PDB file of N, CA and C in Angstrom:
ATOM      1  N   MET A   1      78.875  96.147  83.532  1.00  0.00           N
ATOM      2  CA  MET A   1      79.579  96.442  84.757  1.00  0.00           C
ATOM      3  C   MET A   1      78.535  96.685  85.848  1.00  0.00           C
ATOM      4  N   THR A   2      78.595  95.858  86.839  1.00  0.00           N
ATOM      5  CA  THR A   2      77.651  95.977  87.942  1.00  0.00           C
ATOM      6  C   THR A   2      78.355  96.574  89.155  1.00  0.00           C
ATOM      7  N   PRO A   3      77.591  97.154  90.050  1.00  0.00           N
ATOM      8  CA  PRO A   3      78.213  97.694  91.266  1.00  0.00           C
ATOM      9  C   PRO A   3      78.902  96.607  92.103  1.00  0.00           C
ATOM     10  N   GLU A   4      78.364  95.406  92.077  1.00  0.00           N
ATOM     11  CA  GLU A   4      78.980  94.312  92.829  1.00  0.00           C
ATOM     12  C   GLU A   4      80.355  93.966  92.272  1.00  0.00           C
ATOM     13  N   PHE A   5      80.485  94.009  90.950  1.00  0.00           N
ATOM     14  CA  PHE A   5      81.769  93.719  90.310  1.00  0.00           C
ATOM     15  C   PHE A   5      82.803  94.779  90.672  1.00  0.00           C
ATOM     16  N   VAL A   6      82.409  96.033  90.624  1.00  0.00           N
ATOM     17  CA  VAL A   6      83.319  97.127  90.968  1.00  0.00           C
ATOM     18  C   VAL A   6      83.727  97.019  92.435  1.00  0.00           C
ATOM     19  N   LEU A   7      82.777  96.717  93.306  1.00  0.00           N
ATOM     20  CA  LEU A   7      83.093  96.563  94.727  1.00  0.00           C
ATOM     21  C   LEU A   7      84.016  95.376  94.977  1.00  0.00           C
ATOM     22  N   SER A   8      83.852  94.298  94.219  1.00  0.00           N
ATOM     23  CA  SER A   8      84.738  93.149  94.411  1.00  0.00           C
ATOM     24  C   SER A   8      86.165  93.476  93.968  1.00  0.00           C
ATOM     25  N   ILE A   9      86.309  94.234  92.892  1.00  0.00           N
ATOM     26  CA  ILE A   9      87.643  94.654  92.460  1.00  0.00           C
ATOM     27  C   ILE A   9      88.261  95.592  93.494  1.00  0.00           C
ATOM     28  N   ALA A  10      87.471  96.527  94.018  1.00  0.00           N
ATOM     29  CA  ALA A  10      87.985  97.450  95.032  1.00  0.00           C
ATOM     30  C   ALA A  10      88.373  96.692  96.302  1.00  0.00           C
ATOM     31  N   ARG A  11      87.557  95.732  96.703  1.00  0.00           N
ATOM     32  CA  ARG A  11      87.862  94.934  97.896  1.00  0.00           C
ATOM     33  C   ARG A  11      89.144  94.137  97.701  1.00  0.00           C
ATOM     34  N   GLU A  12      89.299  93.550  96.519  1.00  0.00           N
ATOM     35  CA  GLU A  12      90.516  92.797  96.225  1.00  0.00           C
ATOM     36  C   GLU A  12      91.744  93.709  96.197  1.00  0.00           C
ATOM     37  N   GLY A  13      91.596  94.913  95.664  1.00  0.00           N
ATOM     38  CA  GLY A  13      92.702  95.859  95.631  1.00  0.00           C
ATOM     39  C   GLY A  13      93.120  96.300  97.027  1.00  0.00           C
ATOM     40  N   ILE A  14      92.157  96.595  97.877  1.00  0.00           N
ATOM     41  CA  ILE A  14      92.473  97.019  99.239  1.00  0.00           C
ATOM     42  C   ILE A  14      93.112  95.883 100.024  1.00  0.00           C
ATOM     43  N   SER A  15      92.596  94.677  99.877  1.00  0.00           N
ATOM     44  CA  SER A  15      93.189  93.548 100.605  1.00  0.00           C
ATOM     45  C   SER A  15      94.597  93.254 100.088  1.00  0.00           C
ATOM     46  N   THR A  16      94.833  93.411  98.796  1.00  0.00           N
ATOM     47  CA  THR A  16      96.177  93.219  98.250  1.00  0.00           C
ATOM     48  C   THR A  16      97.142  94.260  98.814  1.00  0.00           C
ATOM     49  N   ILE A  17      96.701  95.504  98.892  1.00  0.00           N
ATOM     50  CA  ILE A  17      97.547  96.558  99.449  1.00  0.00           C
ATOM     51  C   ILE A  17      97.896  96.258 100.899  1.00  0.00           C
ATOM     52  N   LEU A  18      96.908  95.848 101.685  1.00  0.00           N
ATOM     53  CA  LEU A  18      97.156  95.556 103.098  1.00  0.00           C
ATOM     54  C   LEU A  18      98.099  94.369 103.274  1.00  0.00           C
ATOM     55  N   ILE A  19      97.916  93.333 102.463  1.00  0.00           N
ATOM     56  CA  ILE A  19      98.773  92.148 102.575  1.00  0.00           C
ATOM     57  C   ILE A  19     100.202  92.470 102.152  1.00  0.00           C
ATOM     58  N   VAL A  20     100.360  93.285 101.114  1.00  0.00           N
ATOM     59  CA  VAL A  20     101.698  93.624 100.632  1.00  0.00           C
ATOM     60  C   VAL A  20     102.415  94.549 101.616  1.00  0.00           C
ATOM     61  N   ALA A  21     101.697  95.484 102.216  1.00  0.00           N
ATOM     62  CA  ALA A  21     102.334  96.457 103.104  1.00  0.00           C
ATOM     63  C   ALA A  21     102.569  95.922 104.506  1.00  0.00           C
ATOM     64  N   ALA A  22     101.853  94.903 104.924  1.00  0.00           N
ATOM     65  CA  ALA A  22     101.914  94.435 106.311  1.00  0.00           C
ATOM     66  C   ALA A  22     103.317  94.003 106.771  1.00  0.00           C
ATOM     67  N   PRO A  23     104.064  93.205 106.012  1.00  0.00           N
ATOM     68  CA  PRO A  23     105.386  92.803 106.516  1.00  0.00           C
ATOM     69  C   PRO A  23     106.343  93.984 106.701  1.00  0.00           C
ATOM     70  N   ILE A  24     106.342  94.915 105.762  1.00  0.00           N
ATOM     71  CA  ILE A  24     107.246  96.054 105.846  1.00  0.00           C
ATOM     72  C   ILE A  24     106.872  96.942 107.035  1.00  0.00           C
ATOM     73  N   LEU A  25     105.578  97.230 107.173  1.00  0.00           N
ATOM     74  CA  LEU A  25     105.141  98.069 108.273  1.00  0.00           C
ATOM     75  C   LEU A  25     105.356  97.390 109.616  1.00  0.00           C
ATOM     76  N   GLY A  26     105.132  96.080 109.677  1.00  0.00           N
ATOM     77  CA  GLY A  26     105.337  95.345 110.923  1.00  0.00           C
ATOM     78  C   GLY A  26     106.788  95.336 111.358  1.00  0.00           C
ATOM     79  N   ILE A  27     107.684  95.130 110.422  1.00  0.00           N
ATOM     80  CA  ILE A  27     109.109  95.126 110.750  1.00  0.00           C
ATOM     81  C   ILE A  27     109.562  96.532 111.157  1.00  0.00           C
ATOM     82  N   GLY A  28     109.097  97.540 110.459  1.00  0.00           N
ATOM     83  CA  GLY A  28     109.431  98.918 110.838  1.00  0.00           C
ATOM     84  C   GLY A  28     108.900  99.264 112.217  1.00  0.00           C
ATOM     85  N   LEU A  29     107.699  98.800 112.530  1.00  0.00           N
ATOM     86  CA  LEU A  29     107.120  99.031 113.850  1.00  0.00           C
ATOM     87  C   LEU A  29     107.915  98.325 114.939  1.00  0.00           C
ATOM     88  N   ALA A  30     108.280  97.067 114.693  1.00  0.00           N
ATOM     89  CA  ALA A  30     109.031  96.297 115.695  1.00  0.00           C
ATOM     90  C   ALA A  30     110.404  96.913 115.952  1.00  0.00           C
ATOM     91  N   VAL A  31     111.097  97.304 114.900  1.00  0.00           N
ATOM     92  CA  VAL A  31     112.416  97.917 115.076  1.00  0.00           C
ATOM     93  C   VAL A  31     112.287  99.266 115.781  1.00  0.00           C
ATOM     94  N   GLY A  32     111.284 100.041 115.415  1.00  0.00           N
ATOM     95  CA  GLY A  32     111.060 101.319 116.083  1.00  0.00           C
ATOM     96  C   GLY A  32     110.756 101.153 117.562  1.00  0.00           C
ATOM     97  N   LEU A  33     109.974 100.131 117.897  1.00  0.00           N
ATOM     98  CA  LEU A  33     109.661  99.857 119.300  1.00  0.00           C
ATOM     99  C   LEU A  33     110.912  99.446 120.077  1.00  0.00           C
ATOM    100  N   LEU A  34     111.723  98.575 119.484  1.00  0.00           N
ATOM    101  CA  LEU A  34     112.960  98.159 120.145  1.00  0.00           C
ATOM    102  C   LEU A  34     113.910  99.337 120.351  1.00  0.00           C
ATOM    103  N   ILE A  35     114.036 100.192 119.357  1.00  0.00           N
ATOM    104  CA  ILE A  35     114.912 101.361 119.478  1.00  0.00           C
ATOM    105  C   ILE A  35     114.366 102.325 120.538  1.00  0.00           C
ATOM    106  N   SER A  36     113.044 102.485 120.583  1.00  0.00           N
ATOM    107  CA  SER A  36     112.448 103.363 121.590  1.00  0.00           C
ATOM    108  C   SER A  36     112.673 102.830 122.996  1.00  0.00           C
ATOM    109  N   ILE A  37     112.552 101.524 123.173  1.00  0.00           N
ATOM    110  CA  ILE A  37     112.822 100.930 124.484  1.00  0.00           C
ATOM    111  C   ILE A  37     114.286 101.119 124.855  1.00  0.00           C
ATOM    112  N   PHE A  38     115.176 100.924 123.895  1.00  0.00           N
ATOM    113  CA  PHE A  38     116.604 101.137 124.142  1.00  0.00           C
ATOM    114  C   PHE A  38     116.884 102.590 124.528  1.00  0.00           C
ATOM    115  N   GLN A  39     116.268 103.532 123.817  1.00  0.00           N
ATOM    116  CA  GLN A  39     116.481 104.945 124.118  1.00  0.00           C
ATOM    117  C   GLN A  39     115.915 105.313 125.487  1.00  0.00           C
ATOM    118  N   ALA A  40     114.790 104.724 125.853  1.00  0.00           N
ATOM    119  CA  ALA A  40     114.193 105.039 127.148  1.00  0.00           C
ATOM    120  C   ALA A  40     115.029 104.484 128.296  1.00  0.00           C
ATOM    121  N   THR A  41     115.617 103.309 128.115  1.00  0.00           N
ATOM    122  CA  THR A  41     116.403 102.722 129.197  1.00  0.00           C
ATOM    123  C   THR A  41     117.770 103.386 129.336  1.00  0.00           C
ATOM    124  N   THR A  42     118.351 103.819 128.234  1.00  0.00           N
ATOM    125  CA  THR A  42     119.677 104.440 128.304  1.00  0.00           C
ATOM    126  C   THR A  42     119.611 105.964 128.357  1.00  0.00           C
ATOM    127  N   GLN A  43     118.450 106.529 128.170  1.00  0.00           N
ATOM    128  CA  GLN A  43     118.208 107.977 128.152  1.00  0.00           C
ATOM    129  C   GLN A  43     119.036 108.688 127.076  1.00  0.00           C
ATOM    130  N   ILE A  44     119.251 107.992 125.969  1.00  0.00           N
ATOM    131  CA  ILE A  44     119.896 108.602 124.801  1.00  0.00           C
ATOM    132  C   ILE A  44     118.779 109.107 123.896  1.00  0.00           C
ATOM    133  N   GLN A  45     118.723 110.377 123.637  1.00  0.00           N
ATOM    134  CA  GLN A  45     117.650 110.952 122.832  1.00  0.00           C
ATOM    135  C   GLN A  45     118.184 111.488 121.506  1.00  0.00           C
ATOM    136  N   GLU A  46     118.874 110.663 120.795  1.00  0.00           N
ATOM    137  CA  GLU A  46     119.433 111.036 119.493  1.00  0.00           C
ATOM    138  C   GLU A  46     118.442 110.638 118.396  1.00  0.00           C
ATOM    139  N   PRO A  47     117.956 111.603 117.588  1.00  0.00           N
ATOM    140  CA  PRO A  47     116.962 111.276 116.550  1.00  0.00           C
ATOM    141  C   PRO A  47     117.482 110.316 115.483  1.00  0.00           C
ATOM    142  N   THR A  48     118.768 110.423 115.139  1.00  0.00           N
ATOM    143  CA  THR A  48     119.283 109.540 114.096  1.00  0.00           C
ATOM    144  C   THR A  48     119.376 108.103 114.580  1.00  0.00           C
ATOM    145  N   LEU A  49     119.457 107.902 115.891  1.00  0.00           N
ATOM    146  CA  LEU A  49     119.481 106.544 116.433  1.00  0.00           C
ATOM    147  C   LEU A  49     118.163 105.827 116.160  1.00  0.00           C
ATOM    148  N   ALA A  50     117.080 106.565 116.098  1.00  0.00           N
ATOM    149  CA  ALA A  50     115.780 105.955 115.802  1.00  0.00           C
ATOM    150  C   ALA A  50     115.555 105.818 114.302  1.00  0.00           C
ATOM    151  N   PHE A  51     116.083 106.748 113.518  1.00  0.00           N
ATOM    152  CA  PHE A  51     115.772 106.799 112.097  1.00  0.00           C
ATOM    153  C   PHE A  51     116.566 105.795 111.270  1.00  0.00           C
ATOM    154  N   VAL A  52     117.847 105.734 111.478  1.00  0.00           N
ATOM    155  CA  VAL A  52     118.719 104.911 110.634  1.00  0.00           C
ATOM    156  C   VAL A  52     118.420 103.413 110.756  1.00  0.00           C
ATOM    157  N   PRO A  53     118.248 102.840 111.940  1.00  0.00           N
ATOM    158  CA  PRO A  53     117.939 101.405 112.006  1.00  0.00           C
ATOM    159  C   PRO A  53     116.592 101.044 111.379  1.00  0.00           C
ATOM    160  N   LYS A  54     115.614 101.950 111.504  1.00  0.00           N
ATOM    161  CA  LYS A  54     114.310 101.661 110.875  1.00  0.00           C
ATOM    162  C   LYS A  54     114.434 101.634 109.360  1.00  0.00           C
ATOM    163  N   ILE A  55     115.169 102.587 108.803  1.00  0.00           N
ATOM    164  CA  ILE A  55     115.366 102.611 107.352  1.00  0.00           C
ATOM    165  C   ILE A  55     116.106 101.364 106.898  1.00  0.00           C
ATOM    166  N   ALA A  56     117.140 100.977 107.627  1.00  0.00           N
ATOM    167  CA  ALA A  56     117.898  99.773 107.270  1.00  0.00           C
ATOM    168  C   ALA A  56     117.016  98.530 107.356  1.00  0.00           C
ATOM    169  N   ALA A  57     116.186  98.439 108.385  1.00  0.00           N
ATOM    170  CA  ALA A  57     115.297  97.276 108.531  1.00  0.00           C
ATOM    171  C   ALA A  57     114.271  97.213 107.409  1.00  0.00           C
ATOM    172  N   VAL A  58     113.760  98.368 107.005  1.00  0.00           N
ATOM    173  CA  VAL A  58     112.784  98.392 105.905  1.00  0.00           C
ATOM    174  C   VAL A  58     113.452  97.964 104.607  1.00  0.00           C
ATOM    175  N   PHE A  59     114.653  98.434 104.338  1.00  0.00           N
ATOM    176  CA  PHE A  59     115.355  98.028 103.113  1.00  0.00           C
ATOM    177  C   PHE A  59     115.684  96.536 103.119  1.00  0.00           C
ATOM    178  N   ILE A  60     116.113  96.016 104.238  1.00  0.00           N
ATOM    179  CA  ILE A  60     116.409  94.585 104.325  1.00  0.00           C
ATOM    180  C   ILE A  60     115.140  93.757 104.155  1.00  0.00           C
ATOM    181  N   SER A  61     114.044  94.221 104.753  1.00  0.00           N
ATOM    182  CA  SER A  61     112.787  93.482 104.586  1.00  0.00           C
ATOM    183  C   SER A  61     112.275  93.576 103.151  1.00  0.00           C
ATOM    184  N   LEU A  62     112.543  94.689 102.472  1.00  0.00           N
ATOM    185  CA  LEU A  62     112.184  94.783 101.052  1.00  0.00           C
ATOM    186  C   LEU A  62     112.987  93.787 100.219  1.00  0.00           C
ATOM    187  N   LEU A  63     114.253  93.620 100.554  1.00  0.00           N
ATOM    188  CA  LEU A  63     115.058  92.621  99.854  1.00  0.00           C
ATOM    189  C   LEU A  63     114.539  91.206 100.115  1.00  0.00           C
ATOM    190  N   PHE A  64     114.117  90.962 101.337  1.00  0.00           N
ATOM    191  CA  PHE A  64     113.656  89.630 101.706  1.00  0.00           C
ATOM    192  C   PHE A  64     112.256  89.331 101.162  1.00  0.00           C
ATOM    193  N   PHE A  65     111.326  90.280 101.279  1.00  0.00           N
ATOM    194  CA  PHE A  65     109.935  90.071 100.873  1.00  0.00           C
ATOM    195  C   PHE A  65     109.613  90.609  99.479  1.00  0.00           C
ATOM    196  N   GLY A  66     110.590  91.205  98.800  1.00  0.00           N
ATOM    197  CA  GLY A  66     110.316  91.859  97.526  1.00  0.00           C
ATOM    198  C   GLY A  66     109.755  90.946  96.450  1.00  0.00           C
ATOM    199  N   GLY A  67     110.306  89.752  96.317  1.00  0.00           N
ATOM    200  CA  GLY A  67     109.812  88.823  95.296  1.00  0.00           C
ATOM    201  C   GLY A  67     108.376  88.392  95.555  1.00  0.00           C
ATOM    202  N   TRP A  68     108.083  88.109  96.816  1.00  0.00           N
ATOM    203  CA  TRP A  68     106.724  87.705  97.191  1.00  0.00           C
ATOM    204  C   TRP A  68     105.734  88.846  96.953  1.00  0.00           C
ATOM    205  N   MET A  69     106.148  90.070  97.311  1.00  0.00           N
ATOM    206  CA  MET A  69     105.285  91.230  97.106  1.00  0.00           C
ATOM    207  C   MET A  69     105.038  91.460  95.615  1.00  0.00           C
ATOM    208  N   MET A  70     106.078  91.288  94.803  1.00  0.00           N
ATOM    209  CA  MET A  70     105.932  91.487  93.368  1.00  0.00           C
ATOM    210  C   MET A  70     105.000  90.445  92.760  1.00  0.00           C
ATOM    211  N   ARG A  71     105.100  89.201  93.228  1.00  0.00           N
ATOM    212  CA  ARG A  71     104.193  88.163  92.717  1.00  0.00           C
ATOM    213  C   ARG A  71     102.738  88.481  93.053  1.00  0.00           C
ATOM    214  N   LEU A  72     102.472  88.936  94.283  1.00  0.00           N
ATOM    215  CA  LEU A  72     101.104  89.297  94.650  1.00  0.00           C
ATOM    216  C   LEU A  72     100.580  90.443  93.792  1.00  0.00           C
ATOM    217  N   LEU A  73     101.403  91.460  93.596  1.00  0.00           N
ATOM    218  CA  LEU A  73     100.979  92.597  92.784  1.00  0.00           C
ATOM    219  C   LEU A  73     100.792  92.212  91.319  1.00  0.00           C
ATOM    220  N   MET A  74     101.656  91.324  90.822  1.00  0.00           N
ATOM    221  CA  MET A  74     101.497  90.880  89.435  1.00  0.00           C
ATOM    222  C   MET A  74     100.238  90.044  89.264  1.00  0.00           C
ATOM    223  N   ASN A  75      99.934  89.179  90.231  1.00  0.00           N
ATOM    224  CA  ASN A  75      98.697  88.395  90.155  1.00  0.00           C
ATOM    225  C   ASN A  75      97.472  89.295  90.164  1.00  0.00           C
ATOM    226  N   PHE A  76      97.490  90.317  91.010  1.00  0.00           N
ATOM    227  CA  PHE A  76      96.369  91.259  91.037  1.00  0.00           C
ATOM    228  C   PHE A  76      96.248  92.002  89.710  1.00  0.00           C
ATOM    229  N   THR A  77      97.385  92.441  89.150  1.00  0.00           N
ATOM    230  CA  THR A  77      97.358  93.182  87.894  1.00  0.00           C
ATOM    231  C   THR A  77      96.878  92.314  86.742  1.00  0.00           C
ATOM    232  N   VAL A  78      97.349  91.073  86.687  1.00  0.00           N
ATOM    233  CA  VAL A  78      96.904  90.159  85.625  1.00  0.00           C
ATOM    234  C   VAL A  78      95.411  89.900  85.749  1.00  0.00           C
ATOM    235  N   ASN A  79      94.932  89.729  86.977  1.00  0.00           N
ATOM    236  CA  ASN A  79      93.502  89.530  87.196  1.00  0.00           C
ATOM    237  C   ASN A  79      92.713  90.773  86.780  1.00  0.00           C
ATOM    238  N   LEU A  80      93.235  91.950  87.101  1.00  0.00           N
ATOM    239  CA  LEU A  80      92.563  93.190  86.738  1.00  0.00           C
ATOM    240  C   LEU A  80      92.514  93.378  85.227  1.00  0.00           C
ATOM    241  N   TRP A  81      93.630  93.127  84.542  1.00  0.00           N
ATOM    242  CA  TRP A  81      93.649  93.257  83.089  1.00  0.00           C
ATOM    243  C   TRP A  81      92.796  92.181  82.434  1.00  0.00           C
ATOM    244  N   GLY A  82      92.720  90.994  83.055  1.00  0.00           N
ATOM    245  CA  GLY A  82      91.861  89.937  82.512  1.00  0.00           C
ATOM    246  C   GLY A  82      90.388  90.291  82.591  1.00  0.00           C
ATOM    247  N   ASN A  83      90.020  91.040  83.605  1.00  0.00           N
ATOM    248  CA  ASN A  83      88.626  91.446  83.786  1.00  0.00           C
ATOM    249  C   ASN A  83      88.321  92.784  83.139  1.00  0.00           C
ATOM    250  N   LEU A  84      89.273  93.358  82.412  1.00  0.00           N
ATOM    251  CA  LEU A  84      89.067  94.663  81.787  1.00  0.00           C
ATOM    252  C   LEU A  84      87.924  94.643  80.779  1.00  0.00           C
ATOM    253  N   GLY A  85      87.759  93.535  80.094  1.00  0.00           N
ATOM    254  CA  GLY A  85      86.674  93.416  79.127  1.00  0.00           C
ATOM    255  C   GLY A  85      85.305  93.465  79.777  1.00  0.00           C
ATOM    256  N   ARG A  86      85.217  93.027  81.008  1.00  0.00           N
ATOM    257  CA  ARG A  86      83.925  93.046  81.705  1.00  0.00           C
ATOM    258  C   ARG A  86      83.569  94.440  82.210  1.00  0.00           C
ATOM    259  N   LEU A  87      84.558  95.333  82.261  1.00  0.00           N
ATOM    260  CA  LEU A  87      84.280  96.686  82.765  1.00  0.00           C
ATOM    261  C   LEU A  87      83.529  97.541  81.751  1.00  0.00           C
ATOM    262  N   PHE A  88      83.754  97.293  80.482  1.00  0.00           N
ATOM    263  CA  PHE A  88      83.146  98.146  79.469  1.00  0.00           C
ATOM    264  C   PHE A  88      82.131  97.423  78.681  1.00  0.00           C
TER     265      PHE A  88
END
């Protein structure tokens, strides 16, 4: 086990996390921004108006992107378990 190998696994893990989380976070950010603009223009300051649509958008995006996210995570896990012999 070399430091370069450990760093490559860590780099791959971090990039996988960022790629998997990006669609969900982006959709939550976009919906939150739209709701904030709506609240600012109408001067409605109801906290549940901001919370409920973001939660719904995140759940819908999980349904839409869930299979793709699972495939990426499974590929990373299979690669990690395949390289387990090289760690020890």
